[in-house]
Amino acid sequence: MTTTPLPDPGTGPAEPLLDAPSPGCVMSFNASDPSGAGGLGGDVATIAAMGAHALPVVTTIVMRDTAEIFDQHVIDGDVIVEQARYVLEDVTLAGFKVGFLGSAENVSAVAEVLSDYAEVPLVSYLPALAWMSDDDLQSYLDAFRELILPATEVLVGNHKTLTDFLLPDWDSDRPASPRELAVAAAEHGTRYVLVTGVMLPAKGTTGQFIDNVLASPQGALTGEKFELFEVSFVGAGDTLSAALASLMSVGSELQAAVGEALQFLDQSLDAGFRPGMGNIIPDRFFWALPPDEGEGGEGAEGPGIDTPDATDPPTPPGGSRRVH
């Protein structure tokens, strides 16, 4: 009996892989969320689904389930900086995403890191933080406004959350427009806002729709209208902002990147699942699911959307260009 010697793992076919372009690397500063709905778990899944590579930096540990947040244990600011610095000295960075940082002190720590990489695009997401104590919340928002907004290319947030944050004295009977929110953000150095959940007037029996608008101080630039889901989700904002950061990291034009990120979010929510007794979690890998062979033979994407041949390997949204 003869045997064929195995190739030397340091030579042969493995060598071309060393020369292959690496995926874009996106560093996310965010909370550790044990539910996997949002926070770093959601960011890692989203960034991977977009074909990029996540560099997750833990800022705080949130105690939550899929229904509500109970508490948090904030990571020391020096530890946050060390996490980021060690990786940044080794890896070429293509984008930043900022999520929930835990405390005003941690906002300062993250801003210290960001200041050394001003040329790297930053997408910042401001979640609803009503669960925090009033004093902690106010100091957090003040620090975020002063230190994170000046470095932010795109600020992402729900319409009400951004209105309360950027225009706290708004007392008009009409809601603030995305342009007005963008004007307020620009006063602190932010170039664009991506406002989600803008309620649109219901028309007849067509159902309730919401608008999602990218705006600058000059006005609305692009957006997508979606029919309002009749269920509650958790993790949508982290999904949208991480997707946008991934697309911007490979140089996608901003308006096109926003459109693709919104479509990705919509399909992730449409394919969402409920792992517990609380809210529904977005399925960021909806595109990797096998075609549905049920009634009508339509693919998992639904009618009118082309699905790949069953023999084709699944690819991230937009194809392999995201990786190379």
C-alpha atoms as a PDB file:
ATOM      1  CA  MET A   1       0.000   0.000   0.000  1.00  0.00           C
ATOM      2  CA  THR A   2       1.358   3.420  -0.957  1.00  0.00           C
ATOM      3  CA  THR A   3       0.425   6.779   0.419  1.00  0.00           C
ATOM      4  CA  THR A   4       0.532  10.210  -1.171  1.00  0.00           C
ATOM      5  CA  PRO A   5       2.358  12.701   0.996  1.00  0.00           C
ATOM      6  CA  LEU A   6       0.307  15.678   2.129  1.00  0.00           C
ATOM      7  CA  PRO A   7       1.391  19.059   0.761  1.00  0.00           C
ATOM      8  CA  ASP A   8       3.486  21.267   2.981  1.00  0.00           C
ATOM      9  CA  PRO A   9       0.939  23.598   4.646  1.00  0.00           C
ATOM     10  CA  GLY A  10       3.366  26.471   4.124  1.00  0.00           C
ATOM     11  CA  THR A  11       3.582  26.047   0.350  1.00  0.00           C
ATOM     12  CA  GLY A  12       1.506  24.961  -2.640  1.00  0.00           C
ATOM     13  CA  PRO A  13      -2.141  25.907  -3.047  1.00  0.00           C
ATOM     14  CA  ALA A  14      -2.245  27.907   0.179  1.00  0.00           C
ATOM     15  CA  GLU A  15       0.102  30.584  -1.163  1.00  0.00           C
ATOM     16  CA  PRO A  16      -2.376  32.339  -3.519  1.00  0.00           C
ATOM     17  CA  LEU A  17      -4.741  32.847  -0.595  1.00  0.00           C
ATOM     18  CA  LEU A  18      -2.104  34.952   1.111  1.00  0.00           C
ATOM     19  CA  ASP A  19      -2.165  37.350  -1.823  1.00  0.00           C
ATOM     20  CA  ALA A  20      -5.977  37.597  -2.034  1.00  0.00           C
ATOM     21  CA  PRO A  21      -7.427  40.986  -1.069  1.00  0.00           C
ATOM     22  CA  SER A  22      -8.803  41.123   2.458  1.00  0.00           C
ATOM     23  CA  PRO A  23     -12.403  42.170   3.091  1.00  0.00           C
ATOM     24  CA  GLY A  24     -12.929  45.675   4.367  1.00  0.00           C
ATOM     25  CA  CYS A  25     -12.512  45.892   8.141  1.00  0.00           C
ATOM     26  CA  VAL A  26     -15.109  47.827  10.132  1.00  0.00           C
ATOM     27  CA  MET A  27     -14.534  48.583  13.812  1.00  0.00           C
ATOM     28  CA  SER A  28     -17.696  48.707  15.903  1.00  0.00           C
ATOM     29  CA  PHE A  29     -17.807  50.299  19.348  1.00  0.00           C
ATOM     30  CA  ASN A  30     -20.971  48.908  20.899  1.00  0.00           C
ATOM     31  CA  ALA A  31     -22.549  47.101  23.816  1.00  0.00           C
ATOM     32  CA  SER A  32     -22.404  43.380  24.391  1.00  0.00           C
ATOM     33  CA  ASP A  33     -26.018  42.241  23.969  1.00  0.00           C
ATOM     34  CA  PRO A  34     -26.588  38.650  25.129  1.00  0.00           C
ATOM     35  CA  SER A  35     -29.851  38.402  23.188  1.00  0.00           C
ATOM     36  CA  GLY A  36     -27.960  38.764  19.911  1.00  0.00           C
ATOM     37  CA  ALA A  37     -30.616  41.183  18.703  1.00  0.00           C
ATOM     38  CA  GLY A  38     -28.456  44.283  18.533  1.00  0.00           C
ATOM     39  CA  GLY A  39     -25.217  45.503  20.030  1.00  0.00           C
ATOM     40  CA  LEU A  40     -22.001  43.834  18.957  1.00  0.00           C
ATOM     41  CA  GLY A  41     -23.710  40.538  18.153  1.00  0.00           C
ATOM     42  CA  GLY A  42     -25.993  42.266  15.674  1.00  0.00           C
ATOM     43  CA  ASP A  43     -23.125  44.323  14.254  1.00  0.00           C
ATOM     44  CA  VAL A  44     -20.877  41.309  13.687  1.00  0.00           C
ATOM     45  CA  ALA A  45     -23.679  39.418  11.937  1.00  0.00           C
ATOM     46  CA  THR A  46     -24.602  42.409   9.765  1.00  0.00           C
ATOM     47  CA  ILE A  47     -21.041  43.320   8.810  1.00  0.00           C
ATOM     48  CA  ALA A  48     -20.325  39.684   7.931  1.00  0.00           C
ATOM     49  CA  ALA A  49     -23.541  39.470   5.895  1.00  0.00           C
ATOM     50  CA  MET A  50     -22.393  42.516   3.921  1.00  0.00           C
ATOM     51  CA  GLY A  51     -19.094  40.793   3.106  1.00  0.00           C
ATOM     52  CA  ALA A  52     -16.905  42.863   5.419  1.00  0.00           C
ATOM     53  CA  HIS A  53     -14.943  41.872   8.533  1.00  0.00           C
ATOM     54  CA  ALA A  54     -15.977  43.132  11.978  1.00  0.00           C
ATOM     55  CA  LEU A  55     -13.578  44.403  14.623  1.00  0.00           C
ATOM     56  CA  PRO A  56     -15.840  44.422  17.716  1.00  0.00           C
ATOM     57  CA  VAL A  57     -14.911  46.564  20.719  1.00  0.00           C
ATOM     58  CA  VAL A  58     -16.990  46.040  23.873  1.00  0.00           C
ATOM     59  CA  THR A  59     -18.059  49.281  25.565  1.00  0.00           C
ATOM     60  CA  THR A  60     -20.584  47.973  28.099  1.00  0.00           C
ATOM     61  CA  ILE A  61     -22.397  44.757  28.961  1.00  0.00           C
ATOM     62  CA  VAL A  62     -26.155  45.184  28.724  1.00  0.00           C
ATOM     63  CA  MET A  63     -28.411  42.961  30.816  1.00  0.00           C
ATOM     64  CA  ARG A  64     -31.414  42.282  28.607  1.00  0.00           C
ATOM     65  CA  ASP A  65     -33.622  39.742  26.901  1.00  0.00           C
ATOM     66  CA  THR A  66     -35.516  40.103  23.636  1.00  0.00           C
ATOM     67  CA  ALA A  67     -38.209  42.204  25.340  1.00  0.00           C
ATOM     68  CA  GLU A  68     -36.459  44.783  27.529  1.00  0.00           C
ATOM     69  CA  ILE A  69     -33.230  46.123  29.026  1.00  0.00           C
ATOM     70  CA  PHE A  70     -32.735  45.664  32.769  1.00  0.00           C
ATOM     71  CA  ASP A  71     -29.273  47.070  33.553  1.00  0.00           C
ATOM     72  CA  GLN A  72     -25.730  47.439  32.282  1.00  0.00           C
ATOM     73  CA  HIS A  73     -22.169  46.947  33.490  1.00  0.00           C
ATOM     74  CA  VAL A  74     -19.978  49.604  31.933  1.00  0.00           C
ATOM     75  CA  ILE A  75     -16.487  48.691  30.720  1.00  0.00           C
ATOM     76  CA  ASP A  76     -13.673  50.945  31.939  1.00  0.00           C
ATOM     77  CA  GLY A  77     -12.725  53.573  29.366  1.00  0.00           C
ATOM     78  CA  ASP A  78      -9.042  52.629  29.407  1.00  0.00           C
ATOM     79  CA  VAL A  79      -9.974  49.043  28.566  1.00  0.00           C
ATOM     80  CA  ILE A  80     -12.022  50.257  25.593  1.00  0.00           C
ATOM     81  CA  VAL A  81      -9.078  52.262  24.296  1.00  0.00           C
ATOM     82  CA  GLU A  82      -6.701  49.309  24.727  1.00  0.00           C
ATOM     83  CA  GLN A  83      -9.062  46.977  22.851  1.00  0.00           C
ATOM     84  CA  ALA A  84      -9.143  49.357  19.924  1.00  0.00           C
ATOM     85  CA  ARG A  85      -5.498  50.427  19.896  1.00  0.00           C
ATOM     86  CA  TYR A  86      -4.044  46.913  19.799  1.00  0.00           C
ATOM     87  CA  VAL A  87      -6.162  46.000  16.777  1.00  0.00           C
ATOM     88  CA  LEU A  88      -5.724  49.313  14.975  1.00  0.00           C
ATOM     89  CA  GLU A  89      -1.931  49.005  15.191  1.00  0.00           C
ATOM     90  CA  ASP A  90      -2.224  45.690  13.337  1.00  0.00           C
ATOM     91  CA  VAL A  91      -5.187  45.896  10.938  1.00  0.00           C
ATOM     92  CA  THR A  92      -5.946  48.313   8.101  1.00  0.00           C
ATOM     93  CA  LEU A  93      -9.257  49.960   8.930  1.00  0.00           C
ATOM     94  CA  ALA A  94     -11.911  50.864   6.371  1.00  0.00           C
ATOM     95  CA  GLY A  95     -14.790  52.136   8.521  1.00  0.00           C
ATOM     96  CA  PHE A  96     -16.100  52.894  12.012  1.00  0.00           C
ATOM     97  CA  LYS A  97     -19.522  52.277  13.523  1.00  0.00           C
ATOM     98  CA  VAL A  98     -20.452  53.741  16.915  1.00  0.00           C
ATOM     99  CA  GLY A  99     -23.392  52.302  18.821  1.00  0.00           C
ATOM    100  CA  PHE A 100     -24.177  52.468  22.538  1.00  0.00           C
ATOM    101  CA  LEU A 101     -21.072  53.385  24.540  1.00  0.00           C
ATOM    102  CA  GLY A 102     -22.431  52.995  28.076  1.00  0.00           C
ATOM    103  CA  SER A 103     -21.405  56.242  29.789  1.00  0.00           C
ATOM    104  CA  ALA A 104     -20.194  59.780  29.198  1.00  0.00           C
ATOM    105  CA  GLU A 105     -16.705  58.705  30.231  1.00  0.00           C
ATOM    106  CA  ASN A 106     -16.723  56.014  27.574  1.00  0.00           C
ATOM    107  CA  VAL A 107     -17.899  58.505  24.966  1.00  0.00           C
ATOM    108  CA  SER A 108     -14.742  60.473  25.741  1.00  0.00           C
ATOM    109  CA  ALA A 109     -12.589  57.347  25.500  1.00  0.00           C
ATOM    110  CA  VAL A 110     -14.000  56.376  22.097  1.00  0.00           C
ATOM    111  CA  ALA A 111     -13.684  59.953  20.818  1.00  0.00           C
ATOM    112  CA  GLU A 112      -9.989  59.827  21.730  1.00  0.00           C
ATOM    113  CA  VAL A 113      -9.528  56.857  19.388  1.00  0.00           C
ATOM    114  CA  LEU A 114     -11.646  58.337  16.612  1.00  0.00           C
ATOM    115  CA  SER A 115      -9.636  61.567  16.638  1.00  0.00           C
ATOM    116  CA  ASP A 116      -6.590  59.708  15.320  1.00  0.00           C
ATOM    117  CA  TYR A 117      -8.499  58.336  12.311  1.00  0.00           C
ATOM    118  CA  ALA A 118     -10.401  61.361  11.055  1.00  0.00           C
ATOM    119  CA  GLU A 119     -10.086  60.151   7.438  1.00  0.00           C
ATOM    120  CA  VAL A 120     -12.009  56.925   8.168  1.00  0.00           C
ATOM    121  CA  PRO A 121     -15.800  57.237   7.626  1.00  0.00           C
ATOM    122  CA  LEU A 122     -17.882  57.010  10.798  1.00  0.00           C
ATOM    123  CA  VAL A 123     -21.524  55.981  11.039  1.00  0.00           C
ATOM    124  CA  SER A 124     -23.019  56.695  14.470  1.00  0.00           C
ATOM    125  CA  TYR A 125     -26.242  55.183  15.755  1.00  0.00           C
ATOM    126  CA  LEU A 126     -28.219  56.700  18.625  1.00  0.00           C
ATOM    127  CA  PRO A 127     -30.662  54.184  20.139  1.00  0.00           C
ATOM    128  CA  ALA A 128     -33.552  55.000  22.435  1.00  0.00           C
ATOM    129  CA  LEU A 129     -32.130  55.183  25.960  1.00  0.00           C
ATOM    130  CA  ALA A 130     -35.177  55.912  28.093  1.00  0.00           C
ATOM    131  CA  TRP A 131     -34.215  53.003  30.370  1.00  0.00           C
ATOM    132  CA  MET A 132     -31.208  54.976  31.721  1.00  0.00           C
ATOM    133  CA  SER A 133     -31.527  57.222  34.764  1.00  0.00           C
ATOM    134  CA  ASP A 134     -32.161  60.874  33.953  1.00  0.00           C
ATOM    135  CA  ASP A 135     -28.744  62.074  35.168  1.00  0.00           C
ATOM    136  CA  ASP A 136     -26.800  59.348  33.362  1.00  0.00           C
ATOM    137  CA  LEU A 137     -28.818  59.858  30.195  1.00  0.00           C
ATOM    138  CA  GLN A 138     -28.306  63.611  30.135  1.00  0.00           C
ATOM    139  CA  SER A 139     -24.550  63.383  30.678  1.00  0.00           C
ATOM    140  CA  TYR A 140     -24.321  60.674  28.007  1.00  0.00           C
ATOM    141  CA  LEU A 141     -26.232  62.705  25.423  1.00  0.00           C
ATOM    142  CA  ASP A 142     -24.232  65.855  26.200  1.00  0.00           C
ATOM    143  CA  ALA A 143     -20.961  63.993  25.698  1.00  0.00           C
ATOM    144  CA  PHE A 144     -22.226  62.280  22.541  1.00  0.00           C
ATOM    145  CA  ARG A 145     -23.317  65.639  21.122  1.00  0.00           C
ATOM    146  CA  GLU A 146     -19.995  67.304  21.907  1.00  0.00           C
ATOM    147  CA  LEU A 147     -17.526  64.524  21.089  1.00  0.00           C
ATOM    148  CA  ILE A 148     -19.079  62.035  18.649  1.00  0.00           C
ATOM    149  CA  LEU A 149     -21.184  64.231  16.363  1.00  0.00           C
ATOM    150  CA  PRO A 150     -18.203  66.309  15.113  1.00  0.00           C
ATOM    151  CA  ALA A 151     -16.547  63.115  13.838  1.00  0.00           C
ATOM    152  CA  THR A 152     -19.710  61.586  12.358  1.00  0.00           C
ATOM    153  CA  GLU A 153     -20.347  61.328   8.627  1.00  0.00           C
ATOM    154  CA  VAL A 154     -23.877  59.896   9.027  1.00  0.00           C
ATOM    155  CA  LEU A 155     -25.984  59.919  12.204  1.00  0.00           C
ATOM    156  CA  VAL A 156     -28.636  57.186  12.206  1.00  0.00           C
ATOM    157  CA  GLY A 157     -31.656  57.135  14.477  1.00  0.00           C
ATOM    158  CA  ASN A 158     -35.391  56.931  14.852  1.00  0.00           C
ATOM    159  CA  HIS A 159     -37.312  60.116  14.090  1.00  0.00           C
ATOM    160  CA  LYS A 160     -38.497  60.623  17.676  1.00  0.00           C
ATOM    161  CA  THR A 161     -35.120  59.746  19.205  1.00  0.00           C
ATOM    162  CA  LEU A 162     -33.267  62.181  16.946  1.00  0.00           C
ATOM    163  CA  THR A 163     -35.862  64.908  17.501  1.00  0.00           C
ATOM    164  CA  ASP A 164     -35.552  64.596  21.290  1.00  0.00           C
ATOM    165  CA  PHE A 165     -31.750  64.614  20.985  1.00  0.00           C
ATOM    166  CA  LEU A 166     -31.150  67.306  18.364  1.00  0.00           C
ATOM    167  CA  LEU A 167     -34.196  69.541  18.924  1.00  0.00           C
ATOM    168  CA  PRO A 168     -35.133  69.073  22.609  1.00  0.00           C
ATOM    169  CA  ASP A 169     -37.100  72.330  22.654  1.00  0.00           C
ATOM    170  CA  TRP A 170     -39.193  71.492  19.589  1.00  0.00           C
ATOM    171  CA  ASP A 171     -42.761  72.504  20.401  1.00  0.00           C
ATOM    172  CA  SER A 172     -44.420  72.802  16.991  1.00  0.00           C
ATOM    173  CA  ASP A 173     -47.591  70.854  16.299  1.00  0.00           C
ATOM    174  CA  ARG A 174     -45.956  69.317  13.234  1.00  0.00           C
ATOM    175  CA  PRO A 175     -43.065  66.839  13.469  1.00  0.00           C
ATOM    176  CA  ALA A 176     -39.562  68.096  12.715  1.00  0.00           C
ATOM    177  CA  SER A 177     -38.523  67.337   9.151  1.00  0.00           C
ATOM    178  CA  PRO A 178     -35.396  65.317   8.313  1.00  0.00           C
ATOM    179  CA  ARG A 179     -33.865  68.502   6.884  1.00  0.00           C
ATOM    180  CA  GLU A 180     -34.439  70.338  10.167  1.00  0.00           C
ATOM    181  CA  LEU A 181     -32.815  67.482  12.037  1.00  0.00           C
ATOM    182  CA  ALA A 182     -29.886  67.605   9.603  1.00  0.00           C
ATOM    183  CA  VAL A 183     -29.506  71.356  10.202  1.00  0.00           C
ATOM    184  CA  ALA A 184     -29.373  70.746  13.964  1.00  0.00           C
ATOM    185  CA  ALA A 185     -26.844  67.911  13.541  1.00  0.00           C
ATOM    186  CA  ALA A 186     -24.685  70.049  11.232  1.00  0.00           C
ATOM    187  CA  GLU A 187     -24.362  72.645  13.989  1.00  0.00           C
ATOM    188  CA  HIS A 188     -22.313  69.989  15.816  1.00  0.00           C
ATOM    189  CA  GLY A 189     -20.301  68.895  12.773  1.00  0.00           C
ATOM    190  CA  THR A 190     -22.332  65.955  11.439  1.00  0.00           C
ATOM    191  CA  ARG A 191     -22.696  65.975   7.646  1.00  0.00           C
ATOM    192  CA  TYR A 192     -25.817  63.814   7.193  1.00  0.00           C
ATOM    193  CA  VAL A 193     -28.650  62.243   9.165  1.00  0.00           C
ATOM    194  CA  LEU A 194     -30.480  59.049   8.250  1.00  0.00           C
ATOM    195  CA  VAL A 195     -33.865  59.398   9.922  1.00  0.00           C
ATOM    196  CA  THR A 196     -35.961  56.231  10.269  1.00  0.00           C
ATOM    197  CA  GLY A 197     -39.573  55.678  11.242  1.00  0.00           C
ATOM    198  CA  VAL A 198     -40.992  58.927   9.885  1.00  0.00           C
ATOM    199  CA  MET A 199     -44.737  58.288  10.028  1.00  0.00           C
ATOM    200  CA  LEU A 200     -46.604  59.117   6.838  1.00  0.00           C
ATOM    201  CA  PRO A 201     -50.320  59.984   6.702  1.00  0.00           C
ATOM    202  CA  ALA A 202     -52.474  56.917   6.099  1.00  0.00           C
ATOM    203  CA  LYS A 203     -54.247  56.918   2.747  1.00  0.00           C
ATOM    204  CA  GLY A 204     -57.511  55.002   2.574  1.00  0.00           C
ATOM    205  CA  THR A 205     -57.135  51.270   3.099  1.00  0.00           C
ATOM    206  CA  THR A 206     -53.574  51.005   1.782  1.00  0.00           C
ATOM    207  CA  GLY A 207     -52.124  50.634   5.264  1.00  0.00           C
ATOM    208  CA  GLN A 208     -49.664  52.681   7.292  1.00  0.00           C
ATOM    209  CA  PHE A 209     -46.304  53.520   5.712  1.00  0.00           C
ATOM    210  CA  ILE A 210     -43.128  54.927   7.215  1.00  0.00           C
ATOM    211  CA  ASP A 211     -40.414  56.931   5.497  1.00  0.00           C
ATOM    212  CA  ASN A 212     -36.678  56.595   5.993  1.00  0.00           C
ATOM    213  CA  VAL A 213     -34.802  59.648   4.780  1.00  0.00           C
ATOM    214  CA  LEU A 214     -31.171  60.608   4.280  1.00  0.00           C
ATOM    215  CA  ALA A 215     -30.926  64.371   4.661  1.00  0.00           C
ATOM    216  CA  SER A 216     -28.356  67.145   4.681  1.00  0.00           C
ATOM    217  CA  PRO A 217     -28.935  70.748   5.781  1.00  0.00           C
ATOM    218  CA  GLN A 218     -29.887  71.475   2.164  1.00  0.00           C
ATOM    219  CA  GLY A 219     -32.753  68.965   2.193  1.00  0.00           C
ATOM    220  CA  ALA A 220     -33.701  65.328   1.706  1.00  0.00           C
ATOM    221  CA  LEU A 221     -31.320  63.407  -0.564  1.00  0.00           C
ATOM    222  CA  THR A 222     -32.781  59.918  -0.818  1.00  0.00           C
ATOM    223  CA  GLY A 223     -34.914  57.464   1.096  1.00  0.00           C
ATOM    224  CA  GLU A 224     -37.207  54.479   1.033  1.00  0.00           C
ATOM    225  CA  LYS A 225     -40.830  54.104   2.090  1.00  0.00           C
ATOM    226  CA  PHE A 226     -41.863  50.808   3.666  1.00  0.00           C
ATOM    227  CA  GLU A 227     -45.159  49.485   4.917  1.00  0.00           C
ATOM    228  CA  LEU A 228     -45.281  49.424   8.693  1.00  0.00           C
ATOM    229  CA  PHE A 229     -44.864  45.939  10.154  1.00  0.00           C
ATOM    230  CA  GLU A 230     -47.531  44.969  12.677  1.00  0.00           C
ATOM    231  CA  VAL A 231     -44.980  43.403  15.021  1.00  0.00           C
ATOM    232  CA  SER A 232     -42.225  44.776  17.246  1.00  0.00           C
ATOM    233  CA  PHE A 233     -38.552  44.355  16.384  1.00  0.00           C
ATOM    234  CA  VAL A 234     -35.345  44.797  18.329  1.00  0.00           C
ATOM    235  CA  GLY A 235     -31.992  45.408  16.652  1.00  0.00           C
ATOM    236  CA  ALA A 236     -33.223  47.241  13.556  1.00  0.00           C
ATOM    237  CA  GLY A 237     -31.179  50.410  14.147  1.00  0.00           C
ATOM    238  CA  ASP A 238     -27.950  48.524  14.771  1.00  0.00           C
ATOM    239  CA  THR A 239     -28.597  46.471  11.635  1.00  0.00           C
ATOM    240  CA  LEU A 240     -29.136  49.524   9.432  1.00  0.00           C
ATOM    241  CA  SER A 241     -26.158  51.486  10.763  1.00  0.00           C
ATOM    242  CA  ALA A 242     -23.771  48.515  10.582  1.00  0.00           C
ATOM    243  CA  ALA A 243     -24.880  47.758   7.020  1.00  0.00           C
ATOM    244  CA  LEU A 244     -24.311  51.377   6.025  1.00  0.00           C
ATOM    245  CA  ALA A 245     -20.877  51.448   7.678  1.00  0.00           C
ATOM    246  CA  SER A 246     -19.929  48.288   5.774  1.00  0.00           C
ATOM    247  CA  LEU A 247     -21.018  49.750   2.433  1.00  0.00           C
ATOM    248  CA  MET A 248     -19.243  53.051   3.066  1.00  0.00           C
ATOM    249  CA  SER A 249     -16.083  51.167   4.048  1.00  0.00           C
ATOM    250  CA  VAL A 250     -15.676  49.936   0.461  1.00  0.00           C
ATOM    251  CA  GLY A 251     -16.236  53.380  -1.017  1.00  0.00           C
ATOM    252  CA  SER A 252     -19.870  53.039  -2.074  1.00  0.00           C
ATOM    253  CA  GLU A 253     -21.485  56.332  -3.035  1.00  0.00           C
ATOM    254  CA  LEU A 254     -23.501  57.534  -0.052  1.00  0.00           C
ATOM    255  CA  GLN A 255     -26.978  57.700  -1.569  1.00  0.00           C
ATOM    256  CA  ALA A 256     -26.588  54.287  -3.212  1.00  0.00           C
ATOM    257  CA  ALA A 257     -25.217  52.862   0.064  1.00  0.00           C
ATOM    258  CA  VAL A 258     -28.214  54.198   2.007  1.00  0.00           C
ATOM    259  CA  GLY A 259     -30.633  52.663  -0.493  1.00  0.00           C
ATOM    260  CA  GLU A 260     -28.924  49.288  -0.311  1.00  0.00           C
ATOM    261  CA  ALA A 261     -28.676  49.398   3.495  1.00  0.00           C
ATOM    262  CA  LEU A 262     -32.401  50.192   3.783  1.00  0.00           C
ATOM    263  CA  GLN A 263     -33.301  47.351   1.424  1.00  0.00           C
ATOM    264  CA  PHE A 264     -31.079  45.029   3.454  1.00  0.00           C
ATOM    265  CA  LEU A 265     -32.837  46.082   6.663  1.00  0.00           C
ATOM    266  CA  ASP A 266     -36.294  45.651   5.145  1.00  0.00           C
ATOM    267  CA  GLN A 267     -35.518  42.130   3.966  1.00  0.00           C
ATOM    268  CA  SER A 268     -33.848  41.262   7.292  1.00  0.00           C
ATOM    269  CA  LEU A 269     -36.994  42.333   9.129  1.00  0.00           C
ATOM    270  CA  ASP A 270     -39.249  40.535   6.666  1.00  0.00           C
ATOM    271  CA  ALA A 271     -37.305  37.324   7.376  1.00  0.00           C
ATOM    272  CA  GLY A 272     -37.095  38.041  11.118  1.00  0.00           C
ATOM    273  CA  PHE A 273     -37.676  35.433  13.786  1.00  0.00           C
ATOM    274  CA  ARG A 274     -38.710  35.323  17.448  1.00  0.00           C
ATOM    275  CA  PRO A 275     -36.188  33.236  19.450  1.00  0.00           C
ATOM    276  CA  GLY A 276     -37.862  33.932  22.785  1.00  0.00           C
ATOM    277  CA  MET A 277     -41.006  35.455  24.253  1.00  0.00           C
ATOM    278  CA  GLY A 278     -40.146  39.052  23.362  1.00  0.00           C
ATOM    279  CA  ASN A 279     -39.571  40.932  20.137  1.00  0.00           C
ATOM    280  CA  ILE A 280     -38.596  39.712  16.688  1.00  0.00           C
ATOM    281  CA  ILE A 281     -34.915  39.766  15.696  1.00  0.00           C
ATOM    282  CA  PRO A 282     -33.775  40.620  12.163  1.00  0.00           C
ATOM    283  CA  ASP A 283     -32.376  37.727  10.141  1.00  0.00           C
ATOM    284  CA  ARG A 284     -29.278  39.253   8.595  1.00  0.00           C
ATOM    285  CA  PHE A 285     -28.575  36.110   6.593  1.00  0.00           C
ATOM    286  CA  PHE A 286     -31.934  35.977   4.816  1.00  0.00           C
ATOM    287  CA  TRP A 287     -30.053  35.874   1.510  1.00  0.00           C
ATOM    288  CA  ALA A 288     -28.315  32.619   2.445  1.00  0.00           C
ATOM    289  CA  LEU A 289     -31.546  30.711   3.083  1.00  0.00           C
ATOM    290  CA  PRO A 290     -32.417  27.968   0.572  1.00  0.00           C
ATOM    291  CA  PRO A 291     -35.252  28.784  -1.850  1.00  0.00           C
ATOM    292  CA  ASP A 292     -38.742  28.095  -0.535  1.00  0.00           C
ATOM    293  CA  GLU A 293     -40.185  25.169  -2.457  1.00  0.00           C
ATOM    294  CA  GLY A 294     -43.658  25.739  -1.091  1.00  0.00           C
ATOM    295  CA  GLU A 295     -46.829  26.595  -2.907  1.00  0.00           C
ATOM    296  CA  GLY A 296     -46.239  28.482  -6.143  1.00  0.00           C
ATOM    297  CA  GLY A 297     -42.546  27.596  -6.204  1.00  0.00           C
ATOM    298  CA  GLU A 298     -41.505  31.137  -5.294  1.00  0.00           C
ATOM    299  CA  GLY A 299     -38.074  31.728  -3.805  1.00  0.00           C
ATOM    300  CA  ALA A 300     -37.439  32.864  -0.273  1.00  0.00           C
ATOM    301  CA  GLU A 301     -37.411  36.476  -1.474  1.00  0.00           C
ATOM    302  CA  GLY A 302     -41.053  36.309  -2.619  1.00  0.00           C
ATOM    303  CA  PRO A 303     -42.643  37.025  -5.981  1.00  0.00           C
ATOM    304  CA  GLY A 304     -40.938  39.254  -8.492  1.00  0.00           C
ATOM    305  CA  ILE A 305     -37.412  38.844  -7.097  1.00  0.00           C
ATOM    306  CA  ASP A 306     -34.886  36.652  -8.875  1.00  0.00           C
ATOM    307  CA  THR A 307     -33.280  33.976  -6.768  1.00  0.00           C
ATOM    308  CA  PRO A 308     -29.968  32.291  -7.561  1.00  0.00           C
ATOM    309  CA  ASP A 309     -29.800  28.837  -9.056  1.00  0.00           C
ATOM    310  CA  ALA A 310     -29.871  26.137  -6.408  1.00  0.00           C
ATOM    311  CA  THR A 311     -26.374  25.074  -7.455  1.00  0.00           C
ATOM    312  CA  ASP A 312     -24.922  28.548  -6.949  1.00  0.00           C
ATOM    313  CA  PRO A 313     -23.238  29.288  -3.610  1.00  0.00           C
ATOM    314  CA  PRO A 314     -24.964  32.075  -1.671  1.00  0.00           C
ATOM    315  CA  THR A 315     -23.256  35.445  -1.843  1.00  0.00           C
ATOM    316  CA  PRO A 316     -23.601  38.541   0.323  1.00  0.00           C
ATOM    317  CA  PRO A 317     -25.985  41.302  -0.774  1.00  0.00           C
ATOM    318  CA  GLY A 318     -24.464  42.960  -3.816  1.00  0.00           C
ATOM    319  CA  GLY A 319     -22.238  39.981  -4.607  1.00  0.00           C
ATOM    320  CA  SER A 320     -18.603  39.280  -3.903  1.00  0.00           C
ATOM    321  CA  ARG A 321     -17.505  42.853  -4.719  1.00  0.00           C
ATOM    322  CA  ARG A 322     -18.049  43.553  -1.045  1.00  0.00           C
ATOM    323  CA  VAL A 323     -15.259  41.120  -0.148  1.00  0.00           C
ATOM    324  CA  HIS A 324     -12.664  42.078  -2.758  1.00  0.00           C
END
